[in-house]
Amino acid sequence: MPRWALLCLLVAFIVPGLFGHDLWPPDAPGFGRMWAMAHGTRADWLLPNVAGALATQGGPLPYWFGAVLVRFGGSLVGDTNAAAAANLFWYPLAIISLWHAVYRLARRDEAQPVAGAFGGEASRNDYARLVADISALLMIGTIGMIWRLHQTQANGASIAIVAVAIFATSLAEWRLLPAALLAGLAAGALALTQGPMPAAGLLLGCLVVFWRSTRGTESAPRTVFLALLLLILIALAVAASWPLAAFHLFPSEARVYFDAWTEALPIGWLSSEDVLWSIRTCAWFLWPLWPLAAWAVYAWRSSLFAAHLERPLLLLVGLAAAMLFSAPLDERAVVGLIPPLVVLAAFGATTLRRALDNVIDWFAIAVFSLSLVFFWAYYFAMQIGAPHAMAASIAHLAPGFVAHVHVLSLVLAVTATAAWAHLIAWRVLRRPRVLWRGPLLAGAGVTIVWITANLLFLPAVDYVFSYRTFAIDLAAQLQARGLAQGCVLAHRIPLAERAIIAYYGKVRFDRDGSSETCRLALHRDSRRSALDDDPPPGARGMWELTWEGRRRAHPDERWRIWVRSQ
């Protein structure tokens, strides 16, 4: 595949959706940590918080990186854009690491295709580049990659770290000690990103890979033992660096934080609900990797102990085993499976029979073409009010939204759709016989649908999910009641909404563990539940209700401002 085409697809995959939208609740907790670090003290860097509330999910590593970007780039492009720009580092790092790992694995003797009876087969390097290109295309075409692309969560960092570990395992025979060092750094970095359980799974997989990769080689047992010991020690040192620094500098605050962090760790056997959730989530989140990876295991079943299959399989098994002890599960546990599945899927794609390859091509064409038709139909319904059923469904999802035509966005969406039509014509009319045809259709299809959806519906989605206007109005109500005099008690406010209101409204919420007395209290009450109807804590008559309102497009929410009366 031409390098320029792969580069253009990579840029088109990463850039759209990163900039230009407001802060949404799913994205807010990650940004809240970065913003608190960038504008706070040393304690905020070591003991992450979101507008004063302890942030105990995962580790701080990806948020340190984002906070540096906010600190030094926020004044130029805005804090939210600077935080989102962290993905411009994590995703290219993941794709580049996997490309080089697959390239090295595909150059091995056991990974080479069967030679033709009359010659004409590709050279070793050309075949390795082909498989590596396929891996990059499959990475781009994975639904789970693009689903959280614009967010400032830890998913991008987790994928990149596991990809670096796979690259380290591909170096085992040639650079044993440096490869062990790199793998140890990756395992420790995953502990600082997702917590100890996923890191333990990655570490276990790397240890088995390095042990098996040195069997039958000229490496001395002492060197192998030293490499395995180095891998473990580096991983432990990196993982322990954060709590050790926190306890050294802020012993009392660190004790409170890590007690809460330990209680929040997802450690426990999976329940039947977790198993069903993981099956449903992996089915779409890891598409189209898992069918191709399963085919690779079947097609290469006589060579399962070859390095290009065994190594990603061992890492996959280690990460999957860690999931068994990580209840309750969420998407953070699934994203780490993407890199080893990409390696397996790339080698599986090279062995597809022509009939099956054609089925995958036409499936991709049908799914992404129908998706584009779906988005364009709803866009026109949103603009002209017909068909009535489509327009009514949009009005139900975004009540009060007035659609406007953004000329530049419309032109770019038409261009993206035309590019997809050109790609279909290339597949149908020219019938190219290249192995990267299917992965290209998958990667280009996901990217073009992602671009088109962002360009057509981002204003409507911002209208529904954005808290910017509401947070500013809420701050004005608080200001009128004496906000400048102190803090605001956050009562029943989720972490995401707390971060958004603190950022847009410049509201200083109470800090967990602080003895400061706040004069004002902000209360979020959902009509869907009776568990959050109670007033702020205190004696009866301590708080007086002075304001009640709701956010547009969300009639099931009620926000209240209470003033301390005694």
Protein backbone atom coordinates (compact mmCIF):
# COMPACT_ATOMS: atom_id res chain seq x y z
CA MET A 1 0.00 0.00 0.00
CA PRO A 2 1.36 3.49 -0.82
CA ARG A 3 2.77 5.22 2.26
CA TRP A 4 1.06 8.52 1.43
CA ALA A 5 -2.38 6.86 1.43
CA LEU A 6 -1.76 5.33 4.84
CA LEU A 7 -0.53 8.68 6.18
CA CYS A 8 -3.57 10.56 4.84
CA LEU A 9 -5.91 7.99 6.38
CA LEU A 10 -4.10 8.23 9.71
CA VAL A 11 -4.40 12.03 9.77
CA ALA A 12 -8.07 11.88 8.76
CA PHE A 13 -8.67 9.31 11.50
CA ILE A 14 -7.06 11.25 14.34
CA VAL A 15 -7.79 14.93 13.71
CA PRO A 16 -11.62 15.15 13.28
CA GLY A 17 -13.53 15.25 16.54
CA LEU A 18 -10.54 16.33 18.64
CA PHE A 19 -11.24 20.03 18.43
CA GLY A 20 -14.19 22.36 18.13
CA HIS A 21 -16.72 20.85 20.54
CA ASP A 22 -17.69 21.72 24.08
CA LEU A 23 -16.82 19.61 27.09
CA TRP A 24 -19.23 16.68 27.45
CA PRO A 25 -19.96 14.65 30.61
CA PRO A 26 -18.27 11.42 29.38
CA ASP A 27 -15.09 13.41 28.78
CA ALA A 28 -15.20 15.69 31.80
CA PRO A 29 -13.61 13.57 34.59
CA GLY A 30 -10.39 13.12 32.60
CA PHE A 31 -10.22 16.78 31.67
CA GLY A 32 -11.07 17.75 35.26
CA ARG A 33 -7.97 15.92 36.52
CA MET A 34 -5.76 17.54 33.88
CA TRP A 35 -7.16 21.00 34.58
CA ALA A 36 -6.74 20.60 38.36
CA MET A 37 -3.11 19.50 37.87
CA ALA A 38 -2.27 22.25 35.38
CA HIS A 39 -3.70 25.02 37.55
CA GLY A 40 -3.09 23.53 40.99
CA THR A 41 -0.29 22.64 43.37
CA ARG A 42 2.13 19.70 43.61
CA ALA A 43 -0.46 17.85 45.68
CA ASP A 44 -2.91 17.98 42.76
CA TRP A 45 -0.34 16.24 40.52
CA LEU A 46 0.29 13.40 42.95
CA LEU A 47 -3.23 13.11 44.41
CA PRO A 48 -5.56 13.68 41.43
CA ASN A 49 -8.89 15.34 42.02
CA VAL A 50 -11.77 16.69 39.98
CA ALA A 51 -12.81 20.10 41.28
CA GLY A 52 -11.87 19.02 44.80
CA ALA A 53 -13.39 15.53 44.66
CA LEU A 54 -10.90 12.66 44.93
CA ALA A 55 -10.38 11.00 41.52
CA THR A 56 -9.62 7.39 42.38
CA GLN A 57 -10.24 5.66 39.05
CA GLY A 58 -7.04 4.31 37.50
CA GLY A 59 -3.70 6.08 37.71
CA PRO A 60 -2.40 9.56 36.91
CA LEU A 61 0.06 8.92 34.04
CA PRO A 62 -2.12 9.96 31.04
CA TYR A 63 -3.42 12.94 33.00
CA TRP A 64 0.11 14.11 33.79
CA PHE A 65 0.80 14.21 30.08
CA GLY A 66 -2.45 16.05 29.33
CA ALA A 67 -1.86 18.49 32.18
CA VAL A 68 1.51 19.46 30.70
CA LEU A 69 -0.22 20.22 27.40
CA VAL A 70 -2.88 22.27 29.21
CA ARG A 71 -0.25 24.13 31.20
CA PHE A 72 1.84 25.15 28.20
CA GLY A 73 -0.65 25.04 25.32
CA GLY A 74 -3.94 26.01 26.94
CA SER A 75 -3.38 29.72 26.44
CA LEU A 76 -2.86 29.16 22.70
CA VAL A 77 -5.61 26.69 21.72
CA GLY A 78 -7.79 26.56 24.84
CA ASP A 79 -7.60 24.16 27.78
CA THR A 80 -10.08 21.62 26.38
CA ASN A 81 -8.36 21.48 22.97
CA ALA A 82 -4.93 21.19 24.60
CA ALA A 83 -6.14 18.27 26.72
CA ALA A 84 -7.67 16.50 23.70
CA ALA A 85 -4.40 16.96 21.80
CA ALA A 86 -2.86 14.27 24.01
CA ASN A 87 -4.44 11.75 21.64
CA LEU A 88 -2.24 13.17 18.87
CA PHE A 89 0.59 11.49 20.77
CA TRP A 90 -0.98 8.28 22.10
CA TYR A 91 -2.68 6.99 18.95
CA PRO A 92 0.27 7.55 16.55
CA LEU A 93 2.55 5.94 19.16
CA ALA A 94 0.28 2.90 19.24
CA ILE A 95 0.07 2.57 15.45
CA ILE A 96 3.80 3.12 14.88
CA SER A 97 4.76 0.63 17.62
CA LEU A 98 2.45 -2.01 16.21
CA TRP A 99 3.64 -1.40 12.64
CA HIS A 100 7.27 -2.03 13.61
CA ALA A 101 6.35 -5.01 15.81
CA VAL A 102 4.37 -6.68 13.02
CA TYR A 103 7.10 -5.86 10.51
CA ARG A 104 9.70 -7.65 12.64
CA LEU A 105 7.46 -10.64 13.30
CA ALA A 106 6.46 -10.96 9.64
CA ARG A 107 10.11 -11.07 8.53
CA ARG A 108 10.71 -14.27 10.49
CA ASP A 109 11.06 -17.52 8.56
CA GLU A 110 8.03 -19.18 10.14
CA ALA A 111 5.78 -16.23 9.21
CA GLN A 112 6.59 -16.29 5.50
CA PRO A 113 3.91 -17.46 3.05
CA VAL A 114 4.31 -20.73 1.21
CA ALA A 115 6.59 -20.22 -1.80
CA GLY A 116 4.97 -20.63 -5.20
CA ALA A 117 5.96 -23.59 -7.35
CA PHE A 118 7.20 -21.30 -10.13
CA GLY A 119 8.47 -18.40 -8.03
CA GLY A 120 7.05 -14.88 -8.21
CA GLU A 121 6.37 -14.56 -4.49
CA ALA A 122 7.02 -11.28 -2.68
CA SER A 123 10.37 -10.64 -1.06
CA ARG A 124 10.72 -11.01 2.69
CA ASN A 125 10.81 -7.24 3.31
CA ASP A 126 7.92 -6.49 0.95
CA TYR A 127 5.75 -9.11 2.59
CA ALA A 128 6.61 -7.78 6.05
CA ARG A 129 5.70 -4.23 5.00
CA LEU A 130 2.43 -5.50 3.56
CA VAL A 131 1.41 -7.22 6.80
CA ALA A 132 2.51 -4.19 8.83
CA ASP A 133 0.40 -1.90 6.62
CA ILE A 134 -2.57 -4.21 7.12
CA SER A 135 -2.09 -3.98 10.89
CA ALA A 136 -2.16 -0.17 10.73
CA LEU A 137 -5.33 -0.23 8.61
CA LEU A 138 -7.02 -2.67 10.98
CA MET A 139 -6.05 -0.50 13.94
CA ILE A 140 -7.67 2.50 12.29
CA GLY A 141 -10.72 0.44 11.31
CA THR A 142 -11.44 -0.84 14.82
CA ILE A 143 -14.67 0.60 16.19
CA GLY A 144 -13.31 0.74 19.74
CA MET A 145 -10.42 2.94 18.62
CA ILE A 146 -12.62 5.66 17.23
CA TRP A 147 -15.42 5.42 19.78
CA ARG A 148 -13.49 7.34 22.45
CA LEU A 149 -11.07 9.09 20.12
CA HIS A 150 -11.89 12.67 21.09
CA GLN A 151 -12.00 12.06 24.83
CA THR A 152 -9.37 12.78 27.44
CA GLN A 153 -9.76 9.45 29.20
CA ALA A 154 -6.95 6.92 29.62
CA ASN A 155 -7.99 4.65 26.73
CA GLY A 156 -5.52 6.07 24.22
CA ALA A 157 -2.64 5.77 26.67
CA SER A 158 -3.58 2.17 27.54
CA ILE A 159 -3.62 1.14 23.88
CA ALA A 160 -0.26 2.82 23.24
CA ILE A 161 1.37 1.22 26.28
CA VAL A 162 0.27 -2.30 25.34
CA ALA A 163 1.43 -1.66 21.75
CA VAL A 164 4.87 -0.67 23.06
CA ALA A 165 4.97 -3.91 25.07
CA ILE A 166 4.25 -5.90 21.89
CA PHE A 167 7.04 -4.04 20.13
CA ALA A 168 9.37 -4.94 23.02
CA THR A 169 8.52 -8.63 22.67
CA SER A 170 9.35 -8.51 18.96
CA LEU A 171 12.93 -7.51 19.90
CA ALA A 172 13.51 -10.37 22.35
CA GLU A 173 16.04 -12.39 20.30
CA TRP A 174 18.05 -9.42 19.05
CA ARG A 175 18.14 -7.03 22.01
CA LEU A 176 17.19 -9.09 25.05
CA LEU A 177 18.07 -6.69 27.89
CA PRO A 178 16.85 -3.47 26.18
CA ALA A 179 13.66 -5.31 25.19
CA ALA A 180 13.12 -6.46 28.78
CA LEU A 181 13.71 -2.91 29.99
CA LEU A 182 11.14 -1.55 27.52
CA ALA A 183 8.60 -4.22 28.44
CA GLY A 184 9.10 -3.45 32.15
CA LEU A 185 8.53 0.23 31.51
CA ALA A 186 5.33 -0.61 29.63
CA ALA A 187 3.99 -2.85 32.42
CA GLY A 188 4.78 -0.19 35.04
CA ALA A 189 3.22 2.52 32.89
CA LEU A 190 0.04 0.46 32.56
CA ALA A 191 -0.11 0.22 36.36
CA LEU A 192 0.07 4.03 36.48
CA THR A 193 -2.71 4.19 33.89
CA GLN A 194 -5.25 1.43 34.62
CA GLY A 195 -4.18 0.09 37.98
CA PRO A 196 -2.39 -3.04 39.25
CA MET A 197 -4.59 -5.82 37.83
CA PRO A 198 -4.24 -5.07 34.07
CA ALA A 199 -0.54 -4.35 34.62
CA ALA A 200 -0.12 -7.73 36.33
CA GLY A 201 -1.74 -9.43 33.33
CA LEU A 202 0.58 -7.61 30.92
CA LEU A 203 3.62 -8.35 33.09
CA LEU A 204 2.75 -12.05 33.28
CA GLY A 205 2.32 -12.23 29.50
CA CYS A 206 5.65 -10.48 28.89
CA LEU A 207 7.48 -12.79 31.31
CA VAL A 208 6.21 -15.91 29.56
CA VAL A 209 7.03 -14.42 26.15
CA PHE A 210 10.61 -13.58 27.12
CA TRP A 211 11.13 -16.95 28.76
CA ARG A 212 9.86 -18.87 25.74
CA SER A 213 11.59 -16.65 23.17
CA THR A 214 15.03 -17.44 24.65
CA ARG A 215 14.56 -21.21 24.64
CA GLY A 216 16.71 -22.83 21.98
CA THR A 217 18.78 -19.66 21.45
CA GLU A 218 22.37 -18.90 22.32
CA SER A 219 21.42 -16.69 25.27
CA ALA A 220 23.10 -17.82 28.47
CA PRO A 221 20.77 -18.82 31.34
CA ARG A 222 22.31 -16.08 33.43
CA THR A 223 21.41 -13.48 30.79
CA VAL A 224 17.86 -14.80 30.55
CA PHE A 225 17.46 -14.70 34.32
CA LEU A 226 18.87 -11.17 34.40
CA ALA A 227 16.41 -10.07 31.67
CA LEU A 228 13.41 -11.51 33.52
CA LEU A 229 14.56 -9.98 36.81
CA LEU A 230 15.11 -6.61 35.09
CA LEU A 231 11.61 -6.75 33.62
CA ILE A 232 10.02 -7.37 37.02
CA LEU A 233 12.11 -4.79 38.90
CA ILE A 234 11.56 -2.03 36.34
CA ALA A 235 7.81 -2.68 36.29
CA LEU A 236 7.62 -2.58 40.10
CA ALA A 237 9.82 0.51 40.34
CA VAL A 238 7.73 2.46 37.82
CA ALA A 239 4.45 1.38 39.40
CA ALA A 240 5.65 2.24 42.93
CA SER A 241 7.13 5.63 42.01
CA TRP A 242 3.78 7.43 42.25
CA PRO A 243 2.61 6.27 45.72
CA LEU A 244 6.14 6.56 47.14
CA ALA A 245 6.44 10.16 45.97
CA ALA A 246 2.96 10.98 47.28
CA PHE A 247 3.62 9.50 50.74
CA HIS A 248 7.01 11.20 50.93
CA LEU A 249 5.70 14.69 50.13
CA PHE A 250 2.14 14.58 51.52
CA PRO A 251 1.92 11.70 54.02
CA SER A 252 -1.42 12.50 55.66
CA GLU A 253 -3.23 13.47 52.45
CA ALA A 254 -1.77 10.45 50.64
CA ARG A 255 -3.07 8.10 53.32
CA VAL A 256 -6.61 9.38 52.82
CA TYR A 257 -6.31 9.30 49.03
CA PHE A 258 -4.86 5.81 48.70
CA ASP A 259 -7.35 4.38 51.17
CA ALA A 260 -10.12 5.61 48.87
CA TRP A 261 -8.13 4.54 45.76
CA THR A 262 -7.70 1.01 47.11
CA GLU A 263 -11.40 0.70 47.92
CA ALA A 264 -12.27 1.83 44.37
CA LEU A 265 -10.03 -0.74 42.64
CA PRO A 266 -12.03 -3.14 40.43
CA ILE A 267 -10.77 -6.36 42.03
CA GLY A 268 -13.07 -9.35 42.26
CA TRP A 269 -14.41 -12.36 40.38
CA LEU A 270 -16.61 -11.64 37.39
CA SER A 271 -20.31 -12.13 37.89
CA SER A 272 -22.64 -13.54 35.24
CA GLU A 273 -23.70 -9.96 34.43
CA ASP A 274 -20.05 -8.97 33.88
CA VAL A 275 -19.54 -11.94 31.55
CA LEU A 276 -22.61 -11.05 29.48
CA TRP A 277 -21.52 -7.40 29.40
CA SER A 278 -18.03 -8.33 28.21
CA ILE A 279 -19.41 -10.55 25.43
CA ARG A 280 -21.78 -7.86 24.18
CA THR A 281 -19.17 -5.10 24.43
CA CYS A 282 -16.32 -7.02 22.84
CA ALA A 283 -18.55 -8.10 19.95
CA TRP A 284 -18.88 -4.52 18.66
CA PHE A 285 -16.02 -2.75 20.43
CA LEU A 286 -13.38 -5.09 18.94
CA TRP A 287 -14.92 -5.38 15.47
CA PRO A 288 -13.50 -6.41 12.97
CA LEU A 289 -10.48 -7.69 14.91
CA TRP A 290 -11.91 -10.70 16.71
CA PRO A 291 -13.21 -12.57 13.60
CA LEU A 292 -9.89 -12.11 11.80
CA ALA A 293 -7.92 -13.06 14.93
CA ALA A 294 -10.01 -16.21 15.35
CA TRP A 295 -9.40 -17.04 11.69
CA ALA A 296 -5.66 -16.52 12.18
CA VAL A 297 -5.61 -19.04 15.02
CA TYR A 298 -7.46 -21.54 12.83
CA ALA A 299 -5.49 -20.91 9.63
CA TRP A 300 -2.12 -21.07 11.44
CA ARG A 301 -3.16 -23.86 13.84
CA SER A 302 -0.15 -25.95 12.89
CA SER A 303 2.16 -23.02 13.76
CA LEU A 304 0.64 -21.72 16.98
CA PHE A 305 4.02 -21.81 18.70
CA ALA A 306 5.58 -19.59 16.03
CA ALA A 307 6.57 -16.18 17.37
CA HIS A 308 4.16 -14.14 15.23
CA LEU A 309 1.19 -15.99 16.77
CA GLU A 310 2.45 -17.13 20.15
CA ARG A 311 3.60 -13.74 21.42
CA PRO A 312 0.42 -11.74 20.79
CA LEU A 313 -1.61 -14.73 22.01
CA LEU A 314 0.30 -14.87 25.30
CA LEU A 315 -0.16 -11.15 25.90
CA LEU A 316 -3.83 -11.47 24.97
CA VAL A 317 -4.27 -14.35 27.42
CA GLY A 318 -2.49 -12.41 30.19
CA LEU A 319 -4.69 -9.34 29.72
CA ALA A 320 -7.84 -11.43 29.40
CA ALA A 321 -6.93 -13.36 32.56
CA ALA A 322 -6.59 -10.07 34.43
CA MET A 323 -10.15 -9.23 33.38
CA LEU A 324 -11.40 -12.30 35.26
CA PHE A 325 -10.36 -10.63 38.52
CA SER A 326 -11.38 -7.06 37.60
CA ALA A 327 -15.07 -6.89 38.44
CA PRO A 328 -16.95 -4.69 37.81
CA LEU A 329 -15.79 -4.33 34.20
CA ASP A 330 -15.86 -1.25 32.02
CA GLU A 331 -14.37 -0.25 28.67
CA ARG A 332 -10.95 0.40 30.24
CA ALA A 333 -10.50 -3.36 30.63
CA VAL A 334 -11.39 -4.02 26.98
CA VAL A 335 -9.18 -1.45 25.21
CA GLY A 336 -5.98 -3.26 26.23
CA LEU A 337 -7.06 -6.24 24.12
CA ILE A 338 -6.94 -4.20 20.89
CA PRO A 339 -3.15 -4.27 20.16
CA PRO A 340 -2.60 -8.07 20.44
CA LEU A 341 -5.79 -8.67 18.46
CA VAL A 342 -4.50 -6.31 15.75
CA VAL A 343 -1.34 -8.42 15.37
CA LEU A 344 -3.31 -11.65 15.11
CA ALA A 345 -5.87 -10.12 12.76
CA ALA A 346 -3.14 -8.82 10.44
CA PHE A 347 -1.73 -12.31 9.97
CA GLY A 348 -5.24 -13.69 9.66
CA ALA A 349 -6.06 -11.24 6.86
CA THR A 350 -3.15 -12.56 4.78
CA THR A 351 -4.62 -16.09 4.78
CA LEU A 352 -8.22 -15.30 3.87
CA ARG A 353 -9.66 -17.29 1.01
CA ARG A 354 -10.84 -15.18 -1.89
CA ALA A 355 -14.54 -15.93 -1.36
CA LEU A 356 -14.36 -15.00 2.33
CA ASP A 357 -12.30 -11.92 1.47
CA ASN A 358 -15.01 -10.80 -0.94
CA VAL A 359 -17.70 -11.33 1.68
CA ILE A 360 -15.82 -9.08 4.12
CA ASP A 361 -15.37 -6.44 1.40
CA TRP A 362 -19.05 -6.37 0.56
CA PHE A 363 -20.03 -6.41 4.21
CA ALA A 364 -17.87 -3.32 4.83
CA ILE A 365 -19.28 -1.58 1.75
CA ALA A 366 -22.87 -2.35 2.78
CA VAL A 367 -22.49 -1.35 6.45
CA PHE A 368 -20.65 1.92 5.91
CA SER A 369 -22.72 2.93 2.87
CA LEU A 370 -25.95 2.37 4.80
CA SER A 371 -24.49 4.31 7.72
CA LEU A 372 -23.77 7.28 5.45
CA VAL A 373 -27.27 7.09 3.94
CA PHE A 374 -28.68 7.00 7.48
CA PHE A 375 -26.74 10.07 8.59
CA TRP A 376 -27.53 12.07 5.46
CA ALA A 377 -31.24 11.20 5.68
CA TYR A 378 -31.44 12.40 9.27
CA TYR A 379 -29.42 15.50 8.43
CA PHE A 380 -31.88 16.54 5.71
CA ALA A 381 -34.80 15.71 8.00
CA MET A 382 -33.25 17.95 10.64
CA GLN A 383 -32.87 20.79 8.14
CA ILE A 384 -36.20 20.65 6.23
CA GLY A 385 -38.49 18.84 8.68
CA ALA A 386 -39.26 15.90 6.39
CA PRO A 387 -39.73 12.97 6.53
CA HIS A 388 -41.83 13.81 9.56
CA ALA A 389 -40.92 10.69 11.59
CA MET A 390 -37.19 11.36 11.30
CA ALA A 391 -37.60 15.05 12.11
CA ALA A 392 -39.78 14.17 15.12
CA SER A 393 -37.16 11.78 16.49
CA ILE A 394 -34.49 14.49 16.26
CA ALA A 395 -36.81 16.98 17.96
CA HIS A 396 -37.35 14.43 20.73
CA LEU A 397 -33.61 13.89 21.23
CA ALA A 398 -32.73 17.60 21.00
CA PRO A 399 -35.84 19.57 22.06
CA GLY A 400 -35.58 23.23 21.18
CA PHE A 401 -32.61 22.86 18.85
CA VAL A 402 -32.78 25.09 15.74
CA ALA A 403 -30.80 23.63 12.85
CA HIS A 404 -28.51 25.83 10.75
CA VAL A 405 -26.54 25.02 7.63
CA HIS A 406 -22.79 25.36 8.19
CA VAL A 407 -21.45 25.72 4.67
CA LEU A 408 -17.87 24.61 5.33
CA SER A 409 -18.97 21.56 7.35
CA LEU A 410 -21.46 20.62 4.64
CA VAL A 411 -18.83 20.90 1.88
CA LEU A 412 -16.36 18.76 3.85
CA ALA A 413 -19.04 16.14 4.58
CA VAL A 414 -19.94 15.95 0.88
CA THR A 415 -16.23 15.57 0.06
CA ALA A 416 -15.85 12.72 2.54
CA THR A 417 -18.91 10.96 1.15
CA ALA A 418 -17.60 11.40 -2.40
CA ALA A 419 -14.30 9.86 -1.33
CA TRP A 420 -16.17 6.79 -0.07
CA ALA A 421 -18.10 6.56 -3.36
CA HIS A 422 -14.78 6.74 -5.23
CA LEU A 423 -13.37 3.95 -3.06
CA ILE A 424 -16.42 1.76 -3.80
CA ALA A 425 -16.01 2.41 -7.53
CA TRP A 426 -12.34 1.42 -7.27
CA ARG A 427 -13.31 -1.85 -5.57
CA VAL A 428 -16.19 -2.70 -7.94
CA LEU A 429 -14.75 -1.61 -11.29
CA ARG A 430 -11.05 -2.39 -10.94
CA ARG A 431 -11.40 -5.46 -8.69
CA PRO A 432 -7.91 -5.03 -7.24
CA ARG A 433 -6.17 -8.23 -6.12
CA VAL A 434 -4.27 -6.85 -3.16
CA LEU A 435 -4.26 -8.20 0.39
CA TRP A 436 -4.79 -4.79 1.96
CA ARG A 437 -8.04 -4.20 0.06
CA GLY A 438 -10.36 -5.36 2.88
CA PRO A 439 -8.51 -3.59 5.73
CA LEU A 440 -8.46 -0.42 3.60
CA LEU A 441 -12.22 -0.55 3.15
CA ALA A 442 -12.69 -1.11 6.89
CA GLY A 443 -10.31 1.68 7.92
CA ALA A 444 -11.56 4.16 5.34
CA GLY A 445 -15.19 3.31 6.05
CA VAL A 446 -14.93 3.88 9.79
CA THR A 447 -12.96 7.10 9.26
CA ILE A 448 -15.33 8.56 6.66
CA VAL A 449 -18.44 7.73 8.69
CA TRP A 450 -16.76 9.26 11.76
CA ILE A 451 -15.86 12.44 9.86
CA THR A 452 -19.31 12.78 8.30
CA ALA A 453 -21.14 12.27 11.59
CA ASN A 454 -18.97 14.89 13.29
CA LEU A 455 -19.42 17.43 10.53
CA LEU A 456 -23.20 17.03 10.24
CA PHE A 457 -24.32 16.57 13.83
CA LEU A 458 -21.71 18.12 16.12
CA PRO A 459 -23.80 21.32 16.74
CA ALA A 460 -26.85 19.23 17.70
CA VAL A 461 -24.80 16.93 19.93
CA ASP A 462 -23.17 19.94 21.59
CA TYR A 463 -26.65 21.37 22.19
CA VAL A 464 -27.73 18.21 24.02
CA PHE A 465 -24.56 17.35 25.93
CA SER A 466 -22.87 20.70 26.52
CA TYR A 467 -23.08 22.31 29.95
CA ARG A 468 -21.35 25.54 28.91
CA THR A 469 -24.39 27.86 28.86
CA PHE A 470 -26.02 26.23 31.86
CA ALA A 471 -22.80 26.35 33.92
CA ILE A 472 -22.37 30.06 33.20
CA ASP A 473 -26.01 30.79 34.15
CA LEU A 474 -25.66 28.66 37.27
CA ALA A 475 -22.52 30.55 38.28
CA ALA A 476 -24.43 33.81 37.90
CA GLN A 477 -27.13 32.53 40.26
CA LEU A 478 -24.46 31.47 42.77
CA GLN A 479 -22.68 34.80 42.40
CA ALA A 480 -25.88 36.63 43.24
CA ARG A 481 -26.07 34.66 46.48
CA GLY A 482 -22.51 35.30 47.62
CA LEU A 483 -20.30 32.93 45.65
CA ALA A 484 -17.34 35.26 46.09
CA GLN A 485 -17.47 34.69 49.84
CA GLY A 486 -16.26 31.09 49.72
CA CYS A 487 -16.77 27.58 48.44
CA VAL A 488 -19.83 25.68 47.23
CA LEU A 489 -20.88 22.34 48.71
CA ALA A 490 -21.43 19.79 45.92
CA HIS A 491 -24.43 17.66 46.92
CA ARG A 492 -25.33 14.63 44.79
CA ILE A 493 -23.42 16.01 41.81
CA PRO A 494 -21.67 13.38 39.65
CA LEU A 495 -17.96 13.83 39.00
CA ALA A 496 -18.45 14.77 35.33
CA GLU A 497 -20.98 17.55 35.99
CA ARG A 498 -18.88 18.80 38.89
CA ALA A 499 -15.86 19.20 36.59
CA ILE A 500 -17.82 20.98 33.86
CA ILE A 501 -19.50 23.46 36.21
CA ALA A 502 -16.19 24.19 37.94
CA TYR A 503 -14.49 24.83 34.59
CA TYR A 504 -17.13 26.85 32.73
CA GLY A 505 -18.68 28.55 35.74
CA LYS A 506 -15.41 29.16 37.66
CA VAL A 507 -17.07 27.64 40.73
CA ARG A 508 -14.85 26.52 43.62
CA PHE A 509 -16.40 23.41 45.14
CA ASP A 510 -15.59 22.03 48.56
CA ARG A 511 -12.57 19.77 48.75
CA ASP A 512 -12.90 16.18 49.99
CA GLY A 513 -11.52 15.92 53.51
CA SER A 514 -11.51 19.68 54.05
CA SER A 515 -12.96 21.18 57.22
CA GLU A 516 -13.99 24.38 55.40
CA THR A 517 -17.62 25.38 55.88
CA CYS A 518 -19.41 26.36 52.65
CA ARG A 519 -22.21 28.89 52.77
CA LEU A 520 -23.78 27.70 49.51
CA ALA A 521 -24.76 24.22 48.33
CA LEU A 522 -25.52 23.07 44.80
CA HIS A 523 -27.81 20.06 44.49
CA ARG A 524 -28.58 17.90 41.45
CA ASP A 525 -31.79 15.88 41.67
CA SER A 526 -32.81 13.33 39.04
CA ARG A 527 -36.51 12.58 38.74
CA ARG A 528 -35.63 9.04 37.70
CA SER A 529 -34.46 8.24 41.23
CA ALA A 530 -35.58 9.03 44.75
CA LEU A 531 -32.09 8.42 46.19
CA ASP A 532 -30.92 12.00 45.57
CA ASP A 533 -33.96 13.95 46.77
CA ASP A 534 -32.57 14.73 50.22
CA PRO A 535 -31.32 18.26 51.04
CA PRO A 536 -27.64 18.91 51.87
CA PRO A 537 -26.38 17.22 55.05
CA GLY A 538 -26.96 18.99 58.33
CA ALA A 539 -29.60 19.65 60.94
CA ARG A 540 -33.19 20.34 59.92
CA GLY A 541 -33.59 23.99 58.98
CA MET A 542 -29.87 24.50 58.38
CA TRP A 543 -30.37 25.01 54.61
CA GLU A 544 -32.83 27.27 52.82
CA LEU A 545 -33.81 26.58 49.19
CA THR A 546 -33.37 29.78 47.15
CA TRP A 547 -33.37 28.66 43.49
CA GLU A 548 -34.46 25.76 41.33
CA GLY A 549 -33.96 25.25 37.60
CA ARG A 550 -33.17 22.70 34.93
CA ARG A 551 -30.90 22.29 31.95
CA ARG A 552 -32.28 22.56 28.45
CA ALA A 553 -33.08 19.28 26.71
CA HIS A 554 -33.02 17.47 30.09
CA PRO A 555 -36.42 17.85 31.79
CA ASP A 556 -35.69 14.93 34.14
CA GLU A 557 -33.03 16.97 35.99
CA ARG A 558 -33.58 19.53 38.72
CA TRP A 559 -30.80 21.75 40.03
CA ARG A 560 -31.20 23.56 43.33
CA ILE A 561 -29.20 26.20 45.20
CA TRP A 562 -29.33 26.09 48.98
CA VAL A 563 -28.06 28.81 51.32
CA ARG A 564 -26.88 28.03 54.83
CA SER A 565 -29.27 29.75 57.24
CA GLN A 566 -27.43 28.99 60.48
